[in-house]
C-alpha atoms as a PDB file:
ATOM      1  CA  MET A   1     -44.877  34.829 107.666  1.00  0.00           C
ATOM      2  CA  VAL A   2     -46.527  35.983 104.189  1.00  0.00           C
ATOM      3  CA  TYR A   3     -45.020  34.212 101.002  1.00  0.00           C
ATOM      4  CA  GLN A   4     -45.642  36.044  97.674  1.00  0.00           C
ATOM      5  CA  GLU A   5     -45.538  34.644  94.184  1.00  0.00           C
ATOM      6  CA  SER A   6     -46.128  36.228  90.823  1.00  0.00           C
ATOM      7  CA  VAL A   7     -48.601  34.080  88.508  1.00  0.00           C
ATOM      8  CA  GLY A   8     -50.977  34.239  85.851  1.00  0.00           C
ATOM      9  CA  ALA A   9     -50.443  35.785  82.389  1.00  0.00           C
ATOM     10  CA  ALA A  10     -50.388  39.512  83.948  1.00  0.00           C
ATOM     11  CA  SER A  11     -47.910  38.518  86.401  1.00  0.00           C
ATOM     12  CA  ALA A  12     -49.821  39.631  89.186  1.00  0.00           C
ATOM     13  CA  THR A  13     -48.570  39.348  92.679  1.00  0.00           C
ATOM     14  CA  ARG A  14     -50.597  37.428  95.050  1.00  0.00           C
ATOM     15  CA  SER A  15     -50.205  36.634  98.813  1.00  0.00           C
ATOM     16  CA  LEU A  16     -49.518  32.904  99.371  1.00  0.00           C
ATOM     17  CA  PRO A  17     -50.852  30.990 102.153  1.00  0.00           C
ATOM     18  CA  SER A  18     -49.037  31.106 105.531  1.00  0.00           C
ATOM     19  CA  VAL A  19     -48.566  28.054 107.693  1.00  0.00           C
ATOM     20  CA  ARG A  20     -49.681  27.506 111.385  1.00  0.00           C
ATOM     21  CA  ALA A  21     -48.282  25.277 114.037  1.00  0.00           C
ATOM     22  CA  VAL A  22     -49.986  21.518 114.697  1.00  0.00           C
ATOM     23  CA  THR A  23     -49.697  19.380 117.387  1.00  0.00           C
ATOM     24  CA  PRO A  24     -49.779  15.411 117.340  1.00  0.00           C
ATOM     25  CA  ARG A  25     -53.332  15.462 118.228  1.00  0.00           C
ATOM     26  CA  ASP A  26     -53.945  17.147 115.106  1.00  0.00           C
ATOM     27  CA  LEU A  27     -52.609  14.146 113.317  1.00  0.00           C
ATOM     28  CA  ILE A  28     -54.897  12.061 114.853  1.00  0.00           C
ATOM     29  CA  GLU A  29     -57.864  13.997 114.085  1.00  0.00           C
ATOM     30  CA  VAL A  30     -56.881  14.279 110.118  1.00  0.00           C
ATOM     31  CA  LEU A  31     -56.023  10.489 109.964  1.00  0.00           C
ATOM     32  CA  ALA A  32     -59.952   9.871 111.445  1.00  0.00           C
ATOM     33  CA  LYS A  33     -61.166  12.379 108.916  1.00  0.00           C
ATOM     34  CA  GLY A  34     -59.004  10.607 105.973  1.00  0.00           C
ATOM     35  CA  VAL A  35     -60.909   7.237 107.142  1.00  0.00           C
ATOM     36  CA  GLU A  36     -63.993   9.147 107.035  1.00  0.00           C
ATOM     37  CA  ASP A  37     -63.754  10.160 103.855  1.00  0.00           C
ATOM     38  CA  PHE A  38     -62.641   6.866 102.402  1.00  0.00           C
ATOM     39  CA  ARG A  39     -65.712   5.250 103.972  1.00  0.00           C
ATOM     40  CA  ALA A  40     -67.766   7.971 102.268  1.00  0.00           C
ATOM     41  CA  MET A  41     -66.329   7.472  98.777  1.00  0.00           C
ATOM     42  CA  PRO A  42     -64.647   4.326  98.636  1.00  0.00           C
ATOM     43  CA  THR A  43     -61.757   4.101  96.166  1.00  0.00           C
ATOM     44  CA  HIS A  44     -60.120   1.160  96.592  1.00  0.00           C
ATOM     45  CA  ILE A  45     -61.581  -0.670  93.362  1.00  0.00           C
ATOM     46  CA  VAL A  46     -59.602   2.080  91.495  1.00  0.00           C
ATOM     47  CA  PHE A  47     -56.036   1.156  93.118  1.00  0.00           C
ATOM     48  CA  LEU A  48     -56.552  -2.502  93.222  1.00  0.00           C
ATOM     49  CA  SER A  49     -57.134  -2.412  89.411  1.00  0.00           C
ATOM     50  CA  PHE A  50     -54.130   0.089  89.035  1.00  0.00           C
ATOM     51  CA  ILE A  51     -51.773  -0.179  91.381  1.00  0.00           C
ATOM     52  CA  TYR A  52     -51.758  -4.138  92.486  1.00  0.00           C
ATOM     53  CA  PRO A  53     -50.908  -5.166  89.002  1.00  0.00           C
ATOM     54  CA  VAL A  54     -48.436  -2.506  88.209  1.00  0.00           C
ATOM     55  CA  VAL A  55     -46.765  -3.062  91.490  1.00  0.00           C
ATOM     56  CA  VAL A  56     -46.582  -6.879  90.859  1.00  0.00           C
ATOM     57  CA  LEU A  57     -45.554  -6.426  87.163  1.00  0.00           C
ATOM     58  CA  VAL A  58     -42.574  -4.675  88.248  1.00  0.00           C
ATOM     59  CA  ILE A  59     -41.597  -6.942  91.051  1.00  0.00           C
ATOM     60  CA  ALA A  60     -41.591  -9.882  88.779  1.00  0.00           C
ATOM     61  CA  TRP A  61     -39.556  -8.074  85.975  1.00  0.00           C
ATOM     62  CA  VAL A  62     -37.023  -7.193  88.700  1.00  0.00           C
ATOM     63  CA  THR A  63     -37.132 -10.654  90.002  1.00  0.00           C
ATOM     64  CA  PHE A  64     -36.379 -12.375  86.690  1.00  0.00           C
ATOM     65  CA  LYS A  65     -33.557  -9.827  85.933  1.00  0.00           C
ATOM     66  CA  ASP A  66     -30.602 -10.839  87.648  1.00  0.00           C
ATOM     67  CA  ASP A  67     -28.631  -7.619  87.189  1.00  0.00           C
ATOM     68  CA  LEU A  68     -31.527  -5.664  88.977  1.00  0.00           C
ATOM     69  CA  LEU A  69     -32.299  -8.252  91.684  1.00  0.00           C
ATOM     70  CA  PRO A  70     -29.819  -6.077  94.139  1.00  0.00           C
ATOM     71  CA  LEU A  71     -31.980  -3.306  93.464  1.00  0.00           C
ATOM     72  CA  LEU A  72     -35.270  -4.777  94.294  1.00  0.00           C
ATOM     73  CA  TYR A  73     -35.846  -3.308  98.006  1.00  0.00           C
ATOM     74  CA  ALA A  74     -34.478   0.002  96.893  1.00  0.00           C
ATOM     75  CA  MET A  75     -37.268   0.248  94.002  1.00  0.00           C
ATOM     76  CA  VAL A  76     -40.147  -1.146  96.356  1.00  0.00           C
ATOM     77  CA  THR A  77     -39.178   0.995  99.036  1.00  0.00           C
ATOM     78  CA  GLY A  78     -38.400   4.153  96.480  1.00  0.00           C
ATOM     79  CA  LEU A  79     -42.093   3.840  95.071  1.00  0.00           C
ATOM     80  CA  ALA A  80     -43.490   5.746  98.267  1.00  0.00           C
ATOM     81  CA  LEU A  81     -41.444   8.989  97.018  1.00  0.00           C
ATOM     82  CA  ILE A  82     -43.895   9.094  94.289  1.00  0.00           C
ATOM     83  CA  GLY A  83     -46.923   8.325  96.494  1.00  0.00           C
ATOM     84  CA  PRO A  84     -48.114  11.914  97.005  1.00  0.00           C
ATOM     85  CA  PHE A  85     -48.189  12.518  92.626  1.00  0.00           C
ATOM     86  CA  ALA A  86     -50.028   9.085  92.603  1.00  0.00           C
ATOM     87  CA  ALA A  87     -52.845  10.569  95.129  1.00  0.00           C
ATOM     88  CA  ILE A  88     -53.761  13.615  93.041  1.00  0.00           C
ATOM     89  CA  GLY A  89     -57.187  12.125  92.264  1.00  0.00           C
ATOM     90  CA  ILE A  90     -57.845  11.362  96.243  1.00  0.00           C
ATOM     91  CA  TYR A  91     -57.196  15.219  96.765  1.00  0.00           C
ATOM     92  CA  GLY A  92     -59.733  16.206  94.253  1.00  0.00           C
ATOM     93  CA  LEU A  93     -62.195  13.872  95.806  1.00  0.00           C
ATOM     94  CA  SER A  94     -61.705  14.827  99.496  1.00  0.00           C
ATOM     95  CA  ARG A  95     -61.935  18.521  97.925  1.00  0.00           C
ATOM     96  CA  ARG A  96     -65.459  17.849  96.438  1.00  0.00           C
ATOM     97  CA  ARG A  97     -66.939  16.186  99.589  1.00  0.00           C
ATOM     98  CA  GLU A  98     -65.620  19.180 101.456  1.00  0.00           C
ATOM     99  CA  GLU A  99     -67.651  21.621  98.982  1.00  0.00           C
ATOM    100  CA  GLY A 100     -70.456  19.443  99.214  1.00  0.00           C
ATOM    101  CA  LEU A 101     -70.575  18.486  95.815  1.00  0.00           C
ATOM    102  CA  ASP A 102     -71.115  14.898  94.266  1.00  0.00           C
ATOM    103  CA  ALA A 103     -68.114  12.733  94.450  1.00  0.00           C
ATOM    104  CA  THR A 104     -67.727   9.036  93.300  1.00  0.00           C
ATOM    105  CA  TRP A 105     -64.533   7.195  92.331  1.00  0.00           C
ATOM    106  CA  SER A 106     -64.695   8.233  88.820  1.00  0.00           C
ATOM    107  CA  HIS A 107     -64.300  11.795  89.896  1.00  0.00           C
ATOM    108  CA  ALA A 108     -60.623  10.751  90.782  1.00  0.00           C
ATOM    109  CA  PHE A 109     -59.730  10.951  87.622  1.00  0.00           C
ATOM    110  CA  ASP A 110     -60.598  14.499  86.928  1.00  0.00           C
ATOM    111  CA  LEU A 111     -57.896  16.681  85.733  1.00  0.00           C
ATOM    112  CA  PRO A 112     -57.123  20.078  87.216  1.00  0.00           C
ATOM    113  CA  GLY A 113     -56.880  23.336  85.214  1.00  0.00           C
ATOM    114  CA  ALA A 114     -54.121  23.776  82.618  1.00  0.00           C
ATOM    115  CA  HIS A 115     -51.908  25.767  84.861  1.00  0.00           C
ATOM    116  CA  SER A 116     -52.176  23.459  87.880  1.00  0.00           C
ATOM    117  CA  LEU A 117     -51.813  20.437  85.626  1.00  0.00           C
ATOM    118  CA  ARG A 118     -48.183  21.892  84.238  1.00  0.00           C
ATOM    119  CA  ALA A 119     -47.140  22.482  88.021  1.00  0.00           C
ATOM    120  CA  ILE A 120     -48.261  19.111  89.066  1.00  0.00           C
ATOM    121  CA  LEU A 121     -46.711  17.186  86.499  1.00  0.00           C
ATOM    122  CA  ALA A 122     -43.390  19.714  87.128  1.00  0.00           C
ATOM    123  CA  LEU A 123     -43.100  18.603  90.687  1.00  0.00           C
ATOM    124  CA  GLY A 124     -44.068  14.919  89.742  1.00  0.00           C
ATOM    125  CA  LEU A 125     -40.878  15.100  87.205  1.00  0.00           C
ATOM    126  CA  CYS A 126     -38.892  15.965  90.222  1.00  0.00           C
ATOM    127  CA  LEU A 127     -40.093  13.494  92.531  1.00  0.00           C
ATOM    128  CA  LEU A 128     -39.005  10.942  89.670  1.00  0.00           C
ATOM    129  CA  ALA A 129     -35.597  12.103  89.275  1.00  0.00           C
ATOM    130  CA  ILE A 130     -35.110  11.684  93.211  1.00  0.00           C
ATOM    131  CA  PHE A 131     -36.460   8.115  92.744  1.00  0.00           C
ATOM    132  CA  VAL A 132     -33.988   7.677  89.879  1.00  0.00           C
ATOM    133  CA  ILE A 133     -31.243   8.951  91.791  1.00  0.00           C
ATOM    134  CA  LEU A 134     -32.058   6.893  94.531  1.00  0.00           C
ATOM    135  CA  ILE A 135     -32.046   3.590  92.386  1.00  0.00           C
ATOM    136  CA  VAL A 136     -28.343   5.242  91.105  1.00  0.00           C
ATOM    137  CA  ALA A 137     -27.011   5.386  94.754  1.00  0.00           C
ATOM    138  CA  ALA A 138     -28.479   2.256  95.878  1.00  0.00           C
ATOM    139  CA  GLN A 139     -26.296   0.262  92.554  1.00  0.00           C
ATOM    140  CA  SER A 140     -23.397   2.253  93.745  1.00  0.00           C
ATOM    141  CA  ILE A 141     -23.651   1.098  97.174  1.00  0.00           C
ATOM    142  CA  TYR A 142     -24.260  -2.363  96.635  1.00  0.00           C
ATOM    143  CA  VAL A 143     -21.291  -2.178  94.029  1.00  0.00           C
ATOM    144  CA  ALA A 144     -18.723  -0.589  96.662  1.00  0.00           C
ATOM    145  CA  TYR A 145     -19.578  -3.664  98.979  1.00  0.00           C
ATOM    146  CA  PHE A 146     -19.892  -6.769  97.002  1.00  0.00           C
ATOM    147  CA  SER A 147     -18.266  -5.830  93.571  1.00  0.00           C
ATOM    148  CA  ASP A 148     -20.468  -6.079  90.342  1.00  0.00           C
ATOM    149  CA  ALA A 149     -21.545  -9.801  91.283  1.00  0.00           C
ATOM    150  CA  SER A 150     -24.879 -10.816  90.774  1.00  0.00           C
ATOM    151  CA  PRO A 151     -26.829 -12.932  93.094  1.00  0.00           C
ATOM    152  CA  GLU A 152     -28.310 -16.155  91.618  1.00  0.00           C
ATOM    153  CA  SER A 153     -31.620 -15.915  93.335  1.00  0.00           C
ATOM    154  CA  ILE A 154     -33.003 -13.887  96.221  1.00  0.00           C
ATOM    155  CA  GLY A 155     -32.126 -16.457  98.678  1.00  0.00           C
ATOM    156  CA  SER A 156     -28.779 -16.217  97.851  1.00  0.00           C
ATOM    157  CA  LEU A 157     -28.958 -12.239  98.086  1.00  0.00           C
ATOM    158  CA  VAL A 158     -30.642 -12.306 101.336  1.00  0.00           C
ATOM    159  CA  GLN A 159     -27.990 -14.690 102.832  1.00  0.00           C
ATOM    160  CA  ARG A 160     -25.207 -12.702 101.398  1.00  0.00           C
ATOM    161  CA  VAL A 161     -26.739  -9.354 102.997  1.00  0.00           C
ATOM    162  CA  VAL A 162     -27.440 -11.059 106.426  1.00  0.00           C
ATOM    163  CA  THR A 163     -24.545 -13.419 107.212  1.00  0.00           C
ATOM    164  CA  THR A 164     -21.410 -11.269 106.077  1.00  0.00           C
ATOM    165  CA  GLU A 165     -20.054  -8.339 107.701  1.00  0.00           C
ATOM    166  CA  ALA A 166     -20.204  -6.177 104.349  1.00  0.00           C
ATOM    167  CA  GLY A 167     -23.628  -7.202 103.944  1.00  0.00           C
ATOM    168  CA  HIS A 168     -24.380  -5.256 107.716  1.00  0.00           C
ATOM    169  CA  ARG A 169     -22.415  -2.322 106.468  1.00  0.00           C
ATOM    170  CA  MET A 170     -24.219  -1.834 103.586  1.00  0.00           C
ATOM    171  CA  ILE A 171     -27.568  -2.028 105.178  1.00  0.00           C
ATOM    172  CA  LEU A 172     -26.538   0.494 107.682  1.00  0.00           C
ATOM    173  CA  ILE A 173     -25.122   2.897 104.869  1.00  0.00           C
ATOM    174  CA  GLY A 174     -28.028   2.262 102.408  1.00  0.00           C
ATOM    175  CA  ASN A 175     -31.353   2.866 104.832  1.00  0.00           C
ATOM    176  CA  LEU A 176     -29.141   5.893 105.896  1.00  0.00           C
ATOM    177  CA  VAL A 177     -28.948   7.158 102.458  1.00  0.00           C
ATOM    178  CA  GLY A 178     -32.285   6.269 101.730  1.00  0.00           C
ATOM    179  CA  PHE A 179     -33.588   8.003 104.708  1.00  0.00           C
ATOM    180  CA  LEU A 180     -32.007  11.047 103.265  1.00  0.00           C
ATOM    181  CA  PHE A 181     -33.709  10.960 100.072  1.00  0.00           C
ATOM    182  CA  ALA A 182     -37.071  10.180 101.706  1.00  0.00           C
ATOM    183  CA  ALA A 183     -36.752  13.154 103.787  1.00  0.00           C
ATOM    184  CA  ALA A 184     -36.103  15.325 101.154  1.00  0.00           C
ATOM    185  CA  ALA A 185     -38.811  13.957  99.009  1.00  0.00           C
ATOM    186  CA  PHE A 186     -41.290  14.282 102.229  1.00  0.00           C
ATOM    187  CA  ALA A 187     -40.512  17.512 102.981  1.00  0.00           C
ATOM    188  CA  MET A 188     -40.996  18.887  99.314  1.00  0.00           C
ATOM    189  CA  SER A 189     -44.237  17.177  98.547  1.00  0.00           C
ATOM    190  CA  VAL A 190     -46.014  16.616 101.683  1.00  0.00           C
ATOM    191  CA  LEU A 191     -48.204  19.591 101.140  1.00  0.00           C
ATOM    192  CA  SER A 192     -47.378  20.525  97.641  1.00  0.00           C
ATOM    193  CA  PHE A 193     -49.990  18.632  95.610  1.00  0.00           C
ATOM    194  CA  PRO A 194     -52.690  19.601  97.872  1.00  0.00           C
ATOM    195  CA  LEU A 195     -51.682  23.233  97.662  1.00  0.00           C
ATOM    196  CA  LEU A 196     -51.489  22.938  93.700  1.00  0.00           C
ATOM    197  CA  MET A 197     -54.709  21.194  93.724  1.00  0.00           C
ATOM    198  CA  ASP A 198     -56.482  24.165  95.701  1.00  0.00           C
ATOM    199  CA  ARG A 199     -54.412  27.762  94.736  1.00  0.00           C
ATOM    200  CA  ASN A 200     -52.668  28.499  91.259  1.00  0.00           C
ATOM    201  CA  ILE A 201     -49.422  29.146  92.219  1.00  0.00           C
ATOM    202  CA  SER A 202     -46.007  27.420  90.772  1.00  0.00           C
ATOM    203  CA  ALA A 203     -44.636  24.414  91.870  1.00  0.00           C
ATOM    204  CA  MET A 204     -41.744  25.839  93.139  1.00  0.00           C
ATOM    205  CA  ALA A 205     -43.716  28.272  95.343  1.00  0.00           C
ATOM    206  CA  ALA A 206     -45.586  24.919  96.468  1.00  0.00           C
ATOM    207  CA  ALA A 207     -42.614  23.115  97.342  1.00  0.00           C
ATOM    208  CA  SER A 208     -41.351  26.092  99.427  1.00  0.00           C
ATOM    209  CA  ILE A 209     -44.480  26.258 101.367  1.00  0.00           C
ATOM    210  CA  SER A 210     -44.531  22.310 102.163  1.00  0.00           C
ATOM    211  CA  ILE A 211     -40.812  22.749 103.246  1.00  0.00           C
ATOM    212  CA  THR A 212     -41.679  25.676 105.612  1.00  0.00           C
ATOM    213  CA  SER A 213     -44.464  23.535 107.192  1.00  0.00           C
ATOM    214  CA  VAL A 214     -41.728  21.052 107.936  1.00  0.00           C
ATOM    215  CA  ARG A 215     -39.542  23.563 109.321  1.00  0.00           C
ATOM    216  CA  ARG A 216     -41.987  24.852 111.445  1.00  0.00           C
ATOM    217  CA  ASN A 217     -43.426  21.638 112.830  1.00  0.00           C
ATOM    218  CA  PRO A 218     -40.632  19.312 113.007  1.00  0.00           C
ATOM    219  CA  LEU A 219     -42.098  16.791 115.487  1.00  0.00           C
ATOM    220  CA  ALA A 220     -45.455  16.773 114.033  1.00  0.00           C
ATOM    221  CA  MET A 221     -44.447  16.508 110.621  1.00  0.00           C
ATOM    222  CA  ALA A 222     -41.678  13.728 111.595  1.00  0.00           C
ATOM    223  CA  MET A 223     -44.372  11.637 113.596  1.00  0.00           C
ATOM    224  CA  TRP A 224     -46.221  12.041 110.323  1.00  0.00           C
ATOM    225  CA  GLY A 225     -43.841  10.786 108.019  1.00  0.00           C
ATOM    226  CA  LEU A 226     -43.279   7.506 110.318  1.00  0.00           C
ATOM    227  CA  ILE A 227     -47.520   7.251 110.223  1.00  0.00           C
ATOM    228  CA  VAL A 228     -47.342   7.202 106.569  1.00  0.00           C
ATOM    229  CA  ALA A 229     -44.208   4.505 106.195  1.00  0.00           C
ATOM    230  CA  GLY A 230     -46.158   2.395 108.786  1.00  0.00           C
ATOM    231  CA  VAL A 231     -49.205   2.495 107.012  1.00  0.00           C
ATOM    232  CA  LEU A 232     -47.684   1.775 103.671  1.00  0.00           C
ATOM    233  CA  LEU A 233     -45.647  -0.971 105.369  1.00  0.00           C
ATOM    234  CA  ILE A 234     -48.590  -2.571 106.875  1.00  0.00           C
ATOM    235  CA  GLY A 235     -50.242  -2.289 103.636  1.00  0.00           C
ATOM    236  CA  SER A 236     -47.707  -3.592 101.283  1.00  0.00           C
ATOM    237  CA  LEU A 237     -47.235  -7.081 103.548  1.00  0.00           C
ATOM    238  CA  PRO A 238     -50.178  -9.181 102.562  1.00  0.00           C
ATOM    239  CA  LEU A 239     -48.697  -8.916  98.542  1.00  0.00           C
ATOM    240  CA  PHE A 240     -49.465  -5.291  98.269  1.00  0.00           C
ATOM    241  CA  VAL A 241     -52.987  -5.698  98.585  1.00  0.00           C
ATOM    242  CA  GLY A 242     -53.576  -3.415 101.438  1.00  0.00           C
ATOM    243  CA  LEU A 243     -52.183  -0.512  99.351  1.00  0.00           C
ATOM    244  CA  ALA A 244     -55.659  -0.386  97.929  1.00  0.00           C
ATOM    245  CA  VAL A 245     -56.823   1.055 101.244  1.00  0.00           C
ATOM    246  CA  ALA A 246     -53.672   2.398 102.383  1.00  0.00           C
ATOM    247  CA  ILE A 247     -53.282   4.893  99.927  1.00  0.00           C
ATOM    248  CA  PRO A 248     -56.354   6.301  99.650  1.00  0.00           C
ATOM    249  CA  VAL A 249     -56.900   6.800 103.403  1.00  0.00           C
ATOM    250  CA  LEU A 250     -53.127   8.293 103.422  1.00  0.00           C
ATOM    251  CA  GLY A 251     -54.307  10.497 100.538  1.00  0.00           C
ATOM    252  CA  HIS A 252     -57.559  11.777 102.221  1.00  0.00           C
ATOM    253  CA  SER A 253     -55.805  12.439 105.286  1.00  0.00           C
ATOM    254  CA  THR A 254     -53.148  14.449 103.641  1.00  0.00           C
ATOM    255  CA  TRP A 255     -55.660  16.568 102.178  1.00  0.00           C
ATOM    256  CA  HIS A 256     -57.274  17.537 105.664  1.00  0.00           C
ATOM    257  CA  LEU A 257     -53.502  17.842 107.001  1.00  0.00           C
ATOM    258  CA  TYR A 258     -53.250  20.460 104.436  1.00  0.00           C
ATOM    259  CA  ARG A 259     -56.416  22.142 105.384  1.00  0.00           C
ATOM    260  CA  LYS A 260     -55.103  22.141 109.187  1.00  0.00           C
ATOM    261  CA  LEU A 261     -51.280  23.503 108.205  1.00  0.00           C
ATOM    262  CA  VAL A 262     -51.920  26.033 105.525  1.00  0.00           C
ATOM    263  CA  VAL A 263     -54.090  29.140 106.161  1.00  0.00           C
ATOM    264  CA  ALA A 264     -55.213  31.068 102.763  1.00  0.00           C
ATOM    265  CA  GLU A 265     -54.404  34.625 103.142  1.00  0.00           C
ATOM    266  CA  LEU A 266     -57.235  35.348 100.431  1.00  0.00           C
ATOM    267  CA  PRO A 267     -60.858  34.645 100.888  1.00  0.00           C
ATOM    268  CA  PRO A 268     -62.161  31.264  99.115  1.00  0.00           C
ATOM    269  CA  ARG A 269     -63.087  31.707  95.727  1.00  0.00           C
ATOM    270  CA  LYS A 270     -66.529  32.317  94.814  1.00  0.00           C
ATOM    271  CA  GLN A 271     -68.631  31.912  91.843  1.00  0.00           C
ATOM    272  CA  PRO A 272     -69.950  35.600  90.887  1.00  0.00           C
ATOM    273  CA  SER A 273     -73.680  35.729  91.273  1.00  0.00           C
ATOM    274  CA  HIS A 274     -75.097  38.279  88.563  1.00  0.00           C
ATOM    275  CA  ASP A 275     -78.762  38.779  88.377  1.00  0.00           C
ATOM    276  CA  PRO A 276     -79.414  38.035  84.611  1.00  0.00           C
ATOM    277  CA  ARG A 277     -82.600  40.406  84.870  1.00  0.00           C
ATOM    278  CA  ALA A 278     -80.597  43.429  85.993  1.00  0.00           C
ATOM    279  CA  ARG A 279     -80.443  46.014  83.309  1.00  0.00           C
ATOM    280  CA  ARG A 280     -77.266  46.460  81.496  1.00  0.00           C
ATOM    281  CA  TYR A 281     -75.684  49.796  79.722  1.00  0.00           C
ATOM    282  CA  ALA A 282     -73.658  49.981  76.745  1.00  0.00           C
ATOM    283  CA  ALA A 283     -71.516  52.743  78.590  1.00  0.00           C
ATOM    284  CA  GLY A 284     -70.207  50.018  81.103  1.00  0.00           C
ATOM    285  CA  SER A 285     -68.809  47.658  78.688  1.00  0.00           C
ATOM    286  CA  PRO A 286     -65.201  48.819  79.073  1.00  0.00           C
ATOM    287  CA  ALA A 287     -65.711  49.032  82.887  1.00  0.00           C
ATOM    288  CA  VAL A 288     -65.833  45.350  83.052  1.00  0.00           C
ATOM    289  CA  LEU A 289     -62.468  45.013  82.285  1.00  0.00           C
ATOM    290  CA  PHE A 290     -61.610  47.587  85.272  1.00  0.00           C
ATOM    291  CA  PRO A 291     -63.919  46.271  88.366  1.00  0.00           C
ATOM    292  CA  VAL A 292     -63.941  48.484  91.187  1.00  0.00           C
ATOM    293  CA  TYR A 293     -63.146  46.914  94.356  1.00  0.00           C
ATOM    294  CA  GLY A 294     -66.620  46.099  96.381  1.00  0.00           C
ATOM    295  CA  GLN A 295     -68.664  46.972  93.558  1.00  0.00           C
ATOM    296  CA  GLU A 296     -70.311  45.232  90.572  1.00  0.00           C
ATOM    297  CA  PRO A 297     -68.413  45.371  87.454  1.00  0.00           C
ATOM    298  CA  GLY A 298     -70.561  47.208  84.926  1.00  0.00           C
ATOM    299  CA  SER A 299     -72.782  48.997  87.504  1.00  0.00           C
ATOM    300  CA  ILE A 300     -73.456  52.705  87.183  1.00  0.00           C
ATOM    301  CA  ALA A 301     -71.983  53.157  90.794  1.00  0.00           C
ATOM    302  CA  SER A 302     -68.411  51.514  89.535  1.00  0.00           C
ATOM    303  CA  LEU A 303     -68.766  53.978  86.612  1.00  0.00           C
ATOM    304  CA  ARG A 304     -69.004  57.162  88.857  1.00  0.00           C
ATOM    305  CA  ARG A 305     -65.607  58.899  89.659  1.00  0.00           C
ATOM    306  CA  ALA A 306     -64.458  61.930  91.376  1.00  0.00           C
ATOM    307  CA  PRO A 307     -64.390  65.077  89.423  1.00  0.00           C
ATOM    308  CA  MET A 308     -61.089  66.295  88.169  1.00  0.00           C
ATOM    309  CA  ALA A 309     -59.689  69.637  89.608  1.00  0.00           C
ATOM    310  CA  SER A 310     -59.794  71.184  86.146  1.00  0.00           C
ATOM    311  CA  GLU A 311     -63.067  70.256  85.107  1.00  0.00           C
ATOM    312  CA  PRO A 312     -65.610  72.839  86.223  1.00  0.00           C
ATOM    313  CA  GLN A 313     -67.647  72.382  89.222  1.00  0.00           C
ATOM    314  CA  PRO A 314     -71.649  72.623  89.080  1.00  0.00           C
ATOM    315  CA  ALA A 315     -72.922  75.392  91.055  1.00  0.00           C
ATOM    316  CA  PRO A 316     -74.951  74.822  94.013  1.00  0.00           C
ATOM    317  CA  ALA A 317     -78.751  75.081  93.360  1.00  0.00           C
ATOM    318  CA  THR A 318     -80.010  78.014  95.075  1.00  0.00           C
ATOM    319  CA  ARG A 319     -83.580  78.178  96.680  1.00  0.00           C
ATOM    320  CA  HIS A 320     -85.755  81.692  96.711  1.00  0.00           C
ATOM    321  CA  PRO A 321     -88.028  81.893  99.391  1.00  0.00           C
ATOM    322  CA  SER A 322     -91.629  82.371  97.877  1.00  0.00           C
ATOM    323  CA  VAL A 323     -93.135  85.736  98.073  1.00  0.00           C
ATOM    324  CA  PRO A 324     -96.887  85.908  99.211  1.00  0.00           C
ATOM    325  CA  VAL A 325     -99.118  87.674  96.991  1.00  0.00           C
END
């Protein structure tokens, strides 16, 4: 299926990528490529320096705030919703390595173009909004089962949730609601950010293609979601230190999943190769704005056109036989 989107200042209609089918075997392949990229471009120092302190500070702040203690589980697990946005720099590293360019950890902070940056920020705000709504829903569920009574400590909260019938119902309903939020965010963002890094399209178009990939590959994408959740869980167990490896590996793997799923309808963009020694003509200057397909802009061949019907046609040259003397 071909999708089209109007982008750019001139609102030109361009073909958007189509989605191909993948199998669970492809997921193992993209995960292996993600590990290979991580070994070639270790970025765990960056994530260990930034993500780990942020997560620890958030947890400490929530722990010392009694009124927010019931939201601790929802806030920690809900951080995964904005994970695709946090891995923007990882997608860029995989793309640079794919193109054979120099890729070091400092390139993870390279900003995309203006149009892509606006679309990335817009989609990131959508994920942040989903996260905020999830926290509000978690607070409402807790109040519905335990009124507005705040627990004295984490131990009392765990005892209240695990040992009471209301706590069991809250676990069931809360995880079901959290799953719905996670599924919506996953479908909308699993391919959106790599797509925005690679093509000049809008955030809505990227989200639409991401949702289409999930609809076309429900089993494979459900397995990928479980893989992501499992890797994040394992990385979070040792005091979140494992996220310094888990997030880069998942980011690299997501880029290769995007390459496996999305087929570009248009050929890849290439830098125009012009010979600086070639002759330039003043008459060709306006024609540079209107290049002819398949011909170099400004060339003599691109300036030729078929004569109009109203223009006089040149008479064919006649050859006279030579008369012997």
